[in-house]
Amino acid sequence: MSDLPDNIKALQEKFRPRFEAQDARMASLAAAAFAAELANAEVTHDLPIDEALALHAAEAEKYS
């Protein structure tokens, strides 16, 4: 980023708060969608806890 012209750096700094706010909103929406998906999930079979946690981690990784 240091090799960018000063006017481009200034624009980036001007819009940084907006972009950071948008990133936060998108992360919040993604978390809410994931929570809704989990809340509406139907249990189809029982799993040992280690398998369930591995599946959960894999699913959560999709949204991060």
N, C-alpha and C. Protein backbone atom coordinates (compact mmCIF):
# COMPACT_ATOMS: atom_id res chain seq x y z
N MET A 1 0.83 -1.18 0.00
CA MET A 1 0.00 0.00 0.00
C MET A 1 0.88 1.25 0.00
N SER A 2 2.08 1.17 0.48
CA SER A 2 2.93 2.36 0.57
C SER A 2 3.33 2.90 -0.80
N ASP A 3 3.22 2.09 -1.84
CA ASP A 3 3.59 2.57 -3.17
C ASP A 3 2.42 3.24 -3.90
N LEU A 4 1.30 3.40 -3.24
CA LEU A 4 0.16 4.08 -3.84
C LEU A 4 0.34 5.59 -3.77
N PRO A 5 -0.23 6.30 -4.73
CA PRO A 5 -0.17 7.77 -4.68
C PRO A 5 -0.91 8.31 -3.45
N ASP A 6 -0.49 9.46 -3.01
CA ASP A 6 -1.07 10.06 -1.81
C ASP A 6 -2.57 10.29 -1.94
N ASN A 7 -3.04 10.68 -3.13
CA ASN A 7 -4.48 10.92 -3.28
C ASN A 7 -5.28 9.62 -3.12
N ILE A 8 -4.73 8.49 -3.56
CA ILE A 8 -5.42 7.21 -3.38
C ILE A 8 -5.42 6.82 -1.90
N LYS A 9 -4.30 7.03 -1.23
CA LYS A 9 -4.23 6.74 0.21
C LYS A 9 -5.24 7.59 0.98
N ALA A 10 -5.38 8.84 0.58
CA ALA A 10 -6.34 9.73 1.26
C ALA A 10 -7.77 9.24 1.06
N LEU A 11 -8.08 8.80 -0.15
CA LEU A 11 -9.42 8.26 -0.40
C LEU A 11 -9.67 7.00 0.42
N GLN A 12 -8.68 6.14 0.50
CA GLN A 12 -8.83 4.92 1.29
C GLN A 12 -9.10 5.27 2.75
N GLU A 13 -8.37 6.22 3.29
CA GLU A 13 -8.57 6.62 4.68
C GLU A 13 -9.94 7.28 4.88
N LYS A 14 -10.39 8.02 3.89
CA LYS A 14 -11.69 8.68 3.98
C LYS A 14 -12.81 7.66 4.07
N PHE A 15 -12.72 6.60 3.27
CA PHE A 15 -13.80 5.61 3.22
C PHE A 15 -13.59 4.41 4.14
N ARG A 16 -12.44 4.34 4.82
CA ARG A 16 -12.16 3.20 5.70
C ARG A 16 -13.26 2.98 6.74
N PRO A 17 -13.76 4.02 7.44
CA PRO A 17 -14.83 3.77 8.43
C PRO A 17 -16.08 3.15 7.80
N ARG A 18 -16.43 3.58 6.61
CA ARG A 18 -17.61 3.01 5.94
C ARG A 18 -17.38 1.54 5.61
N PHE A 19 -16.20 1.23 5.10
CA PHE A 19 -15.90 -0.15 4.75
C PHE A 19 -15.85 -1.04 5.98
N GLU A 20 -15.26 -0.53 7.06
CA GLU A 20 -15.21 -1.31 8.29
C GLU A 20 -16.61 -1.53 8.85
N ALA A 21 -17.46 -0.52 8.78
CA ALA A 21 -18.84 -0.66 9.24
C ALA A 21 -19.58 -1.67 8.39
N GLN A 22 -19.35 -1.62 7.09
CA GLN A 22 -20.02 -2.58 6.20
C GLN A 22 -19.52 -3.99 6.49
N ASP A 23 -18.23 -4.16 6.73
CA ASP A 23 -17.69 -5.48 7.09
C ASP A 23 -18.35 -6.00 8.36
N ALA A 24 -18.52 -5.14 9.34
CA ALA A 24 -19.16 -5.54 10.59
C ALA A 24 -20.61 -5.94 10.36
N ARG A 25 -21.32 -5.16 9.53
CA ARG A 25 -22.72 -5.51 9.24
C ARG A 25 -22.81 -6.85 8.53
N MET A 26 -21.93 -7.08 7.58
CA MET A 26 -21.96 -8.34 6.83
C MET A 26 -21.62 -9.53 7.73
N ALA A 27 -20.67 -9.34 8.64
CA ALA A 27 -20.33 -10.40 9.58
C ALA A 27 -21.52 -10.70 10.49
N SER A 28 -22.21 -9.65 10.92
CA SER A 28 -23.38 -9.83 11.76
C SER A 28 -24.50 -10.56 11.02
N LEU A 29 -24.71 -10.18 9.76
CA LEU A 29 -25.73 -10.87 8.96
C LEU A 29 -25.37 -12.33 8.73
N ALA A 30 -24.12 -12.61 8.48
CA ALA A 30 -23.68 -13.99 8.28
C ALA A 30 -23.87 -14.81 9.55
N ALA A 31 -23.53 -14.22 10.70
CA ALA A 31 -23.72 -14.92 11.97
C ALA A 31 -25.20 -15.18 12.23
N ALA A 32 -26.05 -14.21 11.93
CA ALA A 32 -27.49 -14.38 12.12
C ALA A 32 -28.04 -15.45 11.19
N ALA A 33 -27.56 -15.49 9.96
CA ALA A 33 -28.02 -16.52 9.01
C ALA A 33 -27.58 -17.89 9.49
N PHE A 34 -26.36 -18.00 9.99
CA PHE A 34 -25.87 -19.28 10.50
C PHE A 34 -26.67 -19.71 11.72
N ALA A 35 -26.95 -18.77 12.62
CA ALA A 35 -27.74 -19.09 13.81
C ALA A 35 -29.15 -19.53 13.42
N ALA A 36 -29.74 -18.88 12.44
CA ALA A 36 -31.08 -19.27 11.99
C ALA A 36 -31.05 -20.66 11.37
N GLU A 37 -29.99 -20.94 10.61
CA GLU A 37 -29.87 -22.26 10.00
C GLU A 37 -29.74 -23.34 11.08
N LEU A 38 -28.95 -23.06 12.10
CA LEU A 38 -28.80 -24.02 13.19
C LEU A 38 -30.10 -24.18 13.97
N ALA A 39 -30.81 -23.07 14.18
CA ALA A 39 -32.07 -23.12 14.93
C ALA A 39 -33.13 -23.93 14.20
N ASN A 40 -33.07 -23.92 12.86
CA ASN A 40 -34.06 -24.63 12.07
C ASN A 40 -33.60 -26.02 11.65
N ALA A 41 -32.43 -26.42 12.13
CA ALA A 41 -31.90 -27.73 11.75
C ALA A 41 -32.74 -28.84 12.37
N GLU A 42 -32.87 -29.91 11.64
CA GLU A 42 -33.60 -31.07 12.12
C GLU A 42 -32.61 -32.17 12.45
N VAL A 43 -32.71 -32.71 13.65
CA VAL A 43 -31.82 -33.80 14.05
C VAL A 43 -32.25 -35.05 13.31
N THR A 44 -31.34 -35.61 12.56
CA THR A 44 -31.67 -36.81 11.78
C THR A 44 -31.04 -38.07 12.35
N HIS A 45 -29.96 -37.91 13.10
CA HIS A 45 -29.33 -39.07 13.73
C HIS A 45 -28.40 -38.60 14.84
N ASP A 46 -28.15 -39.47 15.77
CA ASP A 46 -27.28 -39.14 16.89
C ASP A 46 -25.82 -39.41 16.52
N LEU A 47 -24.96 -38.51 16.95
CA LEU A 47 -23.53 -38.64 16.70
C LEU A 47 -22.77 -38.57 18.02
N PRO A 48 -21.64 -39.24 18.08
CA PRO A 48 -20.76 -39.01 19.24
C PRO A 48 -20.30 -37.55 19.23
N ILE A 49 -20.00 -37.02 20.39
CA ILE A 49 -19.69 -35.59 20.51
C ILE A 49 -18.51 -35.18 19.65
N ASP A 50 -17.49 -36.01 19.54
CA ASP A 50 -16.32 -35.61 18.74
C ASP A 50 -16.67 -35.49 17.26
N GLU A 51 -17.52 -36.37 16.75
CA GLU A 51 -17.95 -36.26 15.36
C GLU A 51 -18.86 -35.05 15.15
N ALA A 52 -19.74 -34.81 16.11
CA ALA A 52 -20.64 -33.66 16.01
C ALA A 52 -19.84 -32.35 16.02
N LEU A 53 -18.84 -32.26 16.88
CA LEU A 53 -18.03 -31.04 16.94
C LEU A 53 -17.22 -30.85 15.66
N ALA A 54 -16.74 -31.94 15.08
CA ALA A 54 -15.99 -31.84 13.83
C ALA A 54 -16.90 -31.34 12.71
N LEU A 55 -18.12 -31.86 12.65
CA LEU A 55 -19.07 -31.40 11.64
C LEU A 55 -19.43 -29.94 11.85
N HIS A 56 -19.63 -29.58 13.11
CA HIS A 56 -19.96 -28.19 13.42
C HIS A 56 -18.82 -27.26 13.01
N ALA A 57 -17.59 -27.63 13.31
CA ALA A 57 -16.44 -26.81 12.96
C ALA A 57 -16.33 -26.66 11.45
N ALA A 58 -16.56 -27.73 10.72
CA ALA A 58 -16.49 -27.67 9.26
C ALA A 58 -17.58 -26.75 8.70
N GLU A 59 -18.77 -26.82 9.27
CA GLU A 59 -19.87 -25.96 8.81
C GLU A 59 -19.60 -24.50 9.16
N ALA A 60 -19.09 -24.26 10.36
CA ALA A 60 -18.79 -22.89 10.78
C ALA A 60 -17.70 -22.29 9.92
N GLU A 61 -16.77 -23.10 9.47
CA GLU A 61 -15.65 -22.60 8.64
C GLU A 61 -16.18 -22.05 7.32
N LYS A 62 -17.30 -22.56 6.82
CA LYS A 62 -17.89 -22.06 5.59
C LYS A 62 -18.30 -20.60 5.71
N TYR A 63 -18.64 -20.16 6.92
CA TYR A 63 -19.19 -18.83 7.12
C TYR A 63 -18.15 -17.84 7.67
N SER A 64 -16.92 -18.29 7.81
CA SER A 64 -15.92 -17.37 8.36
C SER A 64 -14.95 -16.91 7.30
